Structure formats: C-alpha cells, structure tokens
Amino acid sequence: MIIKDLLRPIYRAYLEIKDSQKGRVSPPVTQIFINDETRRTSFSITNYPSFLLPSRIGKIWYEISLSDQDGNKVFSKDIKLAKYGSMEISPDQFYSKKLPNRGLFFANIKESKLSFVQKFHLRKLGRLTSHFYTLYHSPDYSNLAMVHPQTVAPVPVSEGKSNFWYSQFLIKVSAISSIELFQMNPSPRKADLNLIVMNMDGKEVISSEESVPAFGVRNIKFDQKMLGENEYVYIASDTLRGNEKPILFSHYPDGTYTALHT
C-alpha cells in the first residue's frame, strides 16, 4: 500500500502529460471571402489563448488558407502572432496573382508548432477552436459589415437533409432593391444546397437549389419584384450541416448595402 501511495501521484502526473499531447485543436474555422467591384474582405485574428493563460502562453502560430468558389486551394500560409497580438489579414498580402471573386478563408491554430509546455497548459482550456472576425467593405469603406466566423470545416458528411433552419432576421421588401446570398458547402464532398425565401405566413415565396463542390461557395440574387407583394420575408434552408448559415446582403436603391451572418 505504501508503494502504491507513492506511485499514484507519479502515475497521475504521467497521465496528465500524456493527455496533454493529444490533439486539442478543432478543425479549421471558415468564413466566406468576397472580392468583386463593390466588395472587399479582410479578416482579424487574435492570439486569444495568451489572454486566457497570460503567464503560460506566449506567441502562437496560425495556418491560414484561401480556396476559390469551386473548392480549389489558392494559397496557404503560416503566420505568427505575438503574445496578446492580433493581425488584420487581406488575402492579397499573401497572393500576388488575381484573387477569386468568392471562396472560403480558413484559419486554425497550428498545433504542430505548439511547444510541449504550451500543450500541457492549454489542456486547461479544453478543445481550442480558432476565432476571427470578417469585415466586408466597399473599396472606399463607405459600406461596412462585420460578421463572426461561420463553422468548422470539414463538417461531418451525413445523408439526407438537415433540420429545417430559418433566419429570425426579417427583410422589409419595400426598403430594398434586391437581396443577395452567399452559401458555402463546408463538407468534403459535393452537396445539393438550397435557400428558401419565406413570407410571414410561413409559405415559400421563391427558392434556389444548386449542387456545390466540396468547400465551394455559390451566390444567388433575388430582385425586389421576385419577392412578391409581401411586407416582410426571411431566409430558410434544410440543407445545413453545421453552422454555415448564408451571408445575406441587402442592397438598397441608393447603391448602399448591409450584410450579416443570418
């Protein structure tokens, strides 16, 4: 018994060290990237683990990447963030050729560059999920929209349709000239995605369905006249697999727009 009592804390410490080396970083977090005549996109990333464990965590590394609308990788880059550090990322900083009109931006804490000591202390935070904000803006910054990340990717592949999701954001039809939606497929295989415009009676006004490649992005636009005589409408879908709710742009008659993660 005396020997067991002596060995027990040693064995417990061994298990803690062993457990700390297991993967505790979630899959990459992703958000839609838009790059056209009226919109640009930038991303803001922070070294948030250093705020949560300031005496234990210093610099960390992120792996960032961009894919095009068909899911093809455009670039991948490792970036270093100092303790308490942050960085605004514009993809053209890392890619000198023409950027795609739309795609997916991915960011993830680089687990392979975490030190043994960092991994040991980070276990206190549980599984680490990367976090960043996305800023959509016009070239002159006269229109701005900031949204939070969407979902991890890849999401699990599942058969059949997901639970029916509907947005709680109501769109006043008379106020807009059109609505535009960007929808991602964060799964590792092609998927049929739909978007449904619903009225206040819960009836379908108009819908769109399209096959989207793995990690691809599609966009669809509905002019005001396509939304009928309804005072308000909202967006719904039954093909979501994670938290990949569409990005909604409301376009107004004066040429301005607003956007949100619906």
Protein backbone atom coordinates (compact mmCIF):
# COMPACT_ATOMS: atom_id res chain seq x y z
CA MET A 1 0.00 0.00 0.00
CA ILE A 2 2.82 2.38 0.81
CA ILE A 3 4.41 1.77 -2.60
CA LYS A 4 1.05 2.29 -4.34
CA ASP A 5 0.51 5.54 -2.45
CA LEU A 6 3.94 6.72 -3.55
CA LEU A 7 3.44 5.70 -7.18
CA ARG A 8 -0.11 7.03 -7.57
CA PRO A 9 0.80 10.76 -7.92
CA ILE A 10 3.64 9.86 -10.28
CA TYR A 11 1.28 7.84 -12.46
CA ARG A 12 -1.32 10.62 -12.35
CA ALA A 13 1.30 13.14 -13.50
CA TYR A 14 2.31 10.76 -16.29
CA LEU A 15 -1.31 10.51 -17.47
CA GLU A 16 -1.67 14.31 -17.44
CA ILE A 17 1.47 14.74 -19.53
CA LYS A 18 0.37 12.02 -21.94
CA ASP A 19 -3.11 13.51 -22.23
CA SER A 20 -1.69 16.97 -22.91
CA GLN A 21 -0.06 15.68 -26.10
CA LYS A 22 -3.36 14.58 -27.64
CA GLY A 23 -4.88 16.76 -30.32
CA ARG A 24 -6.88 19.53 -28.67
CA VAL A 25 -7.31 21.82 -31.67
CA SER A 26 -10.61 21.75 -33.55
CA PRO A 27 -10.72 21.62 -37.36
CA PRO A 28 -10.17 24.94 -39.16
CA VAL A 29 -12.81 27.64 -38.86
CA THR A 30 -14.03 29.08 -42.15
CA GLN A 31 -15.84 32.12 -43.50
CA ILE A 32 -16.88 33.30 -46.95
CA PHE A 33 -14.47 35.51 -48.90
CA ILE A 34 -15.84 38.03 -51.42
CA ASN A 35 -13.78 40.04 -53.89
CA ASP A 36 -15.62 41.95 -56.61
CA GLU A 37 -16.17 45.50 -57.88
CA THR A 38 -18.16 46.64 -54.84
CA ARG A 39 -16.79 44.43 -52.06
CA ARG A 40 -13.50 43.50 -50.44
CA THR A 41 -12.86 41.18 -47.49
CA SER A 42 -10.37 41.23 -44.64
CA PHE A 43 -10.03 39.06 -41.53
CA SER A 44 -8.95 39.90 -37.97
CA ILE A 45 -7.23 37.19 -35.93
CA THR A 46 -6.07 37.37 -32.31
CA ASN A 47 -3.83 35.32 -30.05
CA TYR A 48 -6.68 34.69 -27.64
CA PRO A 49 -5.03 31.80 -25.71
CA SER A 50 -2.45 34.27 -24.38
CA PHE A 51 -5.25 36.37 -22.85
CA LEU A 52 -6.72 33.32 -21.13
CA LEU A 53 -3.39 31.95 -19.86
CA PRO A 54 -1.13 35.03 -19.80
CA SER A 55 1.54 33.52 -17.56
CA ARG A 56 1.81 30.36 -19.67
CA ILE A 57 1.21 31.19 -23.32
CA GLY A 58 3.37 33.47 -25.44
CA LYS A 59 3.42 33.56 -29.23
CA ILE A 60 1.35 31.12 -31.27
CA TRP A 61 1.10 30.23 -34.94
CA TYR A 62 -1.95 30.12 -37.18
CA GLU A 63 -2.28 28.37 -40.50
CA ILE A 64 -4.43 30.40 -42.89
CA SER A 65 -5.57 29.43 -46.37
CA LEU A 66 -7.93 30.50 -49.13
CA SER A 67 -9.87 28.41 -51.63
CA ASP A 68 -11.88 29.55 -54.65
CA GLN A 69 -15.61 29.10 -55.30
CA ASP A 70 -15.01 25.56 -56.60
CA GLY A 71 -13.02 24.50 -53.53
CA ASN A 72 -9.57 24.70 -55.15
CA LYS A 73 -6.84 25.92 -52.80
CA VAL A 74 -5.42 29.32 -53.77
CA PHE A 75 -2.73 29.64 -51.08
CA SER A 76 -1.75 28.50 -47.60
CA LYS A 77 0.46 30.39 -45.16
CA ASP A 78 1.69 30.09 -41.56
CA ILE A 79 1.60 33.34 -39.58
CA LYS A 80 2.97 34.14 -36.13
CA LEU A 81 1.08 36.15 -33.53
CA ALA A 82 2.93 37.64 -30.57
CA LYS A 83 1.60 37.37 -27.04
CA TYR A 84 -1.63 39.41 -26.90
CA GLY A 85 -1.08 40.00 -30.61
CA SER A 86 -3.56 40.44 -33.42
CA MET A 87 -3.39 40.81 -37.17
CA GLU A 88 -5.64 42.10 -39.92
CA ILE A 89 -5.31 39.85 -42.95
CA SER A 90 -6.08 40.79 -46.53
CA PRO A 91 -5.51 37.81 -48.84
CA ASP A 92 -3.67 39.97 -51.38
CA GLN A 93 -0.88 40.31 -48.77
CA PHE A 94 -0.01 36.68 -49.41
CA TYR A 95 -1.09 36.13 -53.00
CA SER A 96 0.12 38.37 -55.81
CA LYS A 97 -1.97 36.87 -58.61
CA LYS A 98 -5.63 37.59 -59.30
CA LEU A 99 -7.84 36.56 -56.40
CA PRO A 100 -11.10 34.65 -56.98
CA ASN A 101 -14.39 36.55 -56.87
CA ARG A 102 -15.51 34.40 -53.97
CA GLY A 103 -14.26 31.50 -51.92
CA LEU A 104 -13.56 30.28 -48.40
CA PHE A 105 -11.00 31.58 -45.93
CA PHE A 106 -9.74 29.09 -43.33
CA ALA A 107 -7.83 29.73 -40.10
CA ASN A 108 -6.57 27.31 -37.48
CA ILE A 109 -4.15 27.36 -34.59
CA LYS A 110 -1.09 25.44 -35.79
CA GLU A 111 -0.97 22.52 -33.37
CA SER A 112 2.34 21.20 -34.68
CA LYS A 113 4.03 24.47 -33.64
CA LEU A 114 2.75 24.42 -30.07
CA SER A 115 5.51 23.57 -27.63
CA PHE A 116 5.29 20.71 -25.15
CA VAL A 117 4.79 23.24 -22.33
CA GLN A 118 2.08 25.11 -24.27
CA LYS A 119 0.18 21.90 -24.94
CA PHE A 120 0.43 20.93 -21.29
CA HIS A 121 -1.10 24.20 -20.10
CA LEU A 122 -3.60 24.59 -22.95
CA ARG A 123 -5.34 21.39 -21.88
CA LYS A 124 -6.99 23.54 -19.19
CA LEU A 125 -8.93 25.35 -21.92
CA GLY A 126 -10.37 22.18 -23.43
CA ARG A 127 -10.57 21.90 -27.20
CA LEU A 128 -9.27 25.04 -28.93
CA THR A 129 -11.41 26.49 -31.71
CA SER A 130 -9.88 29.28 -33.75
CA HIS A 131 -11.70 32.59 -33.83
CA PHE A 132 -11.65 35.59 -36.12
CA TYR A 133 -13.89 38.33 -37.44
CA THR A 134 -14.61 39.08 -41.09
CA LEU A 135 -15.01 42.59 -42.49
CA TYR A 136 -16.81 43.10 -45.80
CA HIS A 137 -16.43 46.61 -47.16
CA SER A 138 -16.65 48.68 -50.30
CA PRO A 139 -13.31 49.83 -51.77
CA ASP A 140 -13.79 53.30 -50.25
CA TYR A 141 -15.13 51.92 -46.94
CA SER A 142 -18.45 53.70 -47.40
CA ASN A 143 -20.20 50.38 -46.75
CA LEU A 144 -19.10 48.13 -43.87
CA ALA A 145 -20.30 44.84 -42.44
CA MET A 146 -18.53 42.79 -39.77
CA VAL A 147 -19.53 39.19 -39.06
CA HIS A 148 -18.22 36.40 -36.86
CA PRO A 149 -16.91 33.05 -38.12
CA GLN A 150 -19.26 30.52 -39.64
CA THR A 151 -18.40 26.91 -38.91
CA VAL A 152 -15.57 24.44 -38.63
CA ALA A 153 -14.63 22.60 -41.81
CA PRO A 154 -14.93 19.90 -42.73
CA VAL A 155 -18.31 19.22 -41.17
CA PRO A 156 -19.29 15.54 -40.98
CA VAL A 157 -20.81 14.07 -44.12
CA SER A 158 -24.39 12.95 -43.50
CA GLU A 159 -27.10 11.53 -45.69
CA GLY A 160 -30.46 13.18 -46.18
CA LYS A 161 -31.46 16.70 -45.25
CA SER A 162 -30.68 18.56 -42.05
CA ASN A 163 -33.15 20.03 -39.63
CA PHE A 164 -35.12 22.92 -41.10
CA TRP A 165 -33.38 26.20 -40.28
CA TYR A 166 -34.88 29.64 -40.64
CA SER A 167 -33.45 33.08 -40.01
CA GLN A 168 -35.01 35.36 -37.42
CA PHE A 169 -33.94 38.40 -39.43
CA LEU A 170 -36.91 39.97 -41.23
CA ILE A 171 -36.29 41.73 -44.54
CA LYS A 172 -38.58 44.67 -45.33
CA VAL A 173 -39.27 44.17 -49.01
CA SER A 174 -40.20 47.78 -49.81
CA ALA A 175 -36.86 49.04 -48.43
CA ILE A 176 -34.54 47.00 -50.64
CA SER A 177 -33.80 46.76 -54.35
CA SER A 178 -32.54 43.18 -54.06
CA ILE A 179 -31.14 40.61 -51.67
CA GLU A 180 -28.02 38.58 -52.38
CA LEU A 181 -26.96 35.43 -50.54
CA PHE A 182 -23.64 33.60 -50.37
CA GLN A 183 -23.82 29.96 -49.31
CA MET A 184 -20.93 27.61 -48.55
CA ASN A 185 -20.51 23.86 -48.64
CA PRO A 186 -18.12 23.09 -45.75
CA SER A 187 -18.26 19.33 -46.30
CA PRO A 188 -15.57 17.27 -48.08
CA ARG A 189 -17.85 16.21 -50.91
CA LYS A 190 -20.28 17.80 -53.36
CA ALA A 191 -23.69 18.67 -51.89
CA ASP A 192 -27.05 19.95 -53.09
CA LEU A 193 -27.75 23.18 -51.21
CA ASN A 194 -30.97 25.14 -51.11
CA LEU A 195 -32.12 28.55 -49.96
CA ILE A 196 -35.79 29.40 -49.48
CA VAL A 197 -37.40 32.83 -49.14
CA MET A 198 -40.42 32.58 -46.83
CA ASN A 199 -43.22 35.05 -46.11
CA MET A 200 -44.81 35.83 -42.75
CA ASP A 201 -47.37 33.05 -43.25
CA GLY A 202 -44.55 30.51 -43.46
CA LYS A 203 -45.10 29.92 -47.16
CA GLU A 204 -42.38 29.73 -49.79
CA VAL A 205 -42.04 32.82 -51.96
CA ILE A 206 -39.12 31.69 -54.09
CA SER A 207 -36.24 29.24 -53.72
CA SER A 208 -32.98 28.19 -55.31
CA GLU A 209 -31.16 24.84 -55.24
CA GLU A 210 -27.74 24.09 -56.68
CA SER A 211 -25.05 21.43 -56.50
CA VAL A 212 -21.97 22.96 -54.86
CA PRO A 213 -18.48 21.36 -54.88
CA ALA A 214 -16.72 20.37 -51.67
CA PHE A 215 -15.63 23.57 -49.87
CA GLY A 216 -17.26 25.58 -52.65
CA VAL A 217 -19.35 28.76 -52.48
CA ARG A 218 -22.36 29.84 -54.51
CA ASN A 219 -24.32 33.07 -54.63
CA ILE A 220 -27.86 33.87 -55.65
CA LYS A 221 -29.64 37.20 -56.07
CA PHE A 222 -33.36 37.94 -55.81
CA ASP A 223 -34.65 41.28 -57.11
CA GLN A 224 -37.40 43.03 -55.16
CA LYS A 225 -40.06 42.14 -57.73
CA MET A 226 -39.26 38.44 -57.25
CA LEU A 227 -40.32 38.72 -53.59
CA GLY A 228 -43.94 39.47 -54.43
CA GLU A 229 -46.34 41.71 -52.53
CA ASN A 230 -45.05 40.62 -49.13
CA GLU A 231 -44.24 43.22 -46.49
CA TYR A 232 -41.53 41.09 -44.89
CA VAL A 233 -39.67 37.93 -45.85
CA TYR A 234 -36.99 35.76 -44.25
CA ILE A 235 -34.48 33.13 -45.34
CA ALA A 236 -34.64 29.39 -44.64
CA SER A 237 -32.86 26.17 -45.64
CA ASP A 238 -32.97 22.45 -44.88
CA THR A 239 -29.52 21.57 -46.22
CA LEU A 240 -27.24 22.95 -43.49
CA ARG A 241 -24.76 20.50 -41.98
CA GLY A 242 -23.03 22.78 -39.48
CA ASN A 243 -23.35 26.46 -38.65
CA GLU A 244 -22.89 27.54 -42.26
CA LYS A 245 -25.82 29.94 -42.38
CA PRO A 246 -25.64 32.12 -45.51
CA ILE A 247 -24.23 35.62 -45.67
CA LEU A 248 -27.08 37.96 -46.59
CA PHE A 249 -26.51 41.25 -48.43
CA SER A 250 -29.43 43.68 -48.57
CA HIS A 251 -28.97 46.09 -51.48
CA TYR A 252 -30.74 49.46 -51.37
CA PRO A 253 -31.92 51.81 -54.15
CA ASP A 254 -29.17 54.36 -53.38
CA GLY A 255 -26.44 51.79 -54.11
CA THR A 256 -25.54 51.05 -50.48
CA TYR A 257 -25.74 47.66 -48.82
CA THR A 258 -25.72 45.95 -45.45
CA ALA A 259 -24.66 42.39 -44.68
CA LEU A 260 -24.95 39.89 -41.86
CA HIS A 261 -24.48 36.26 -40.93
CA THR A 262 -28.17 35.35 -40.94
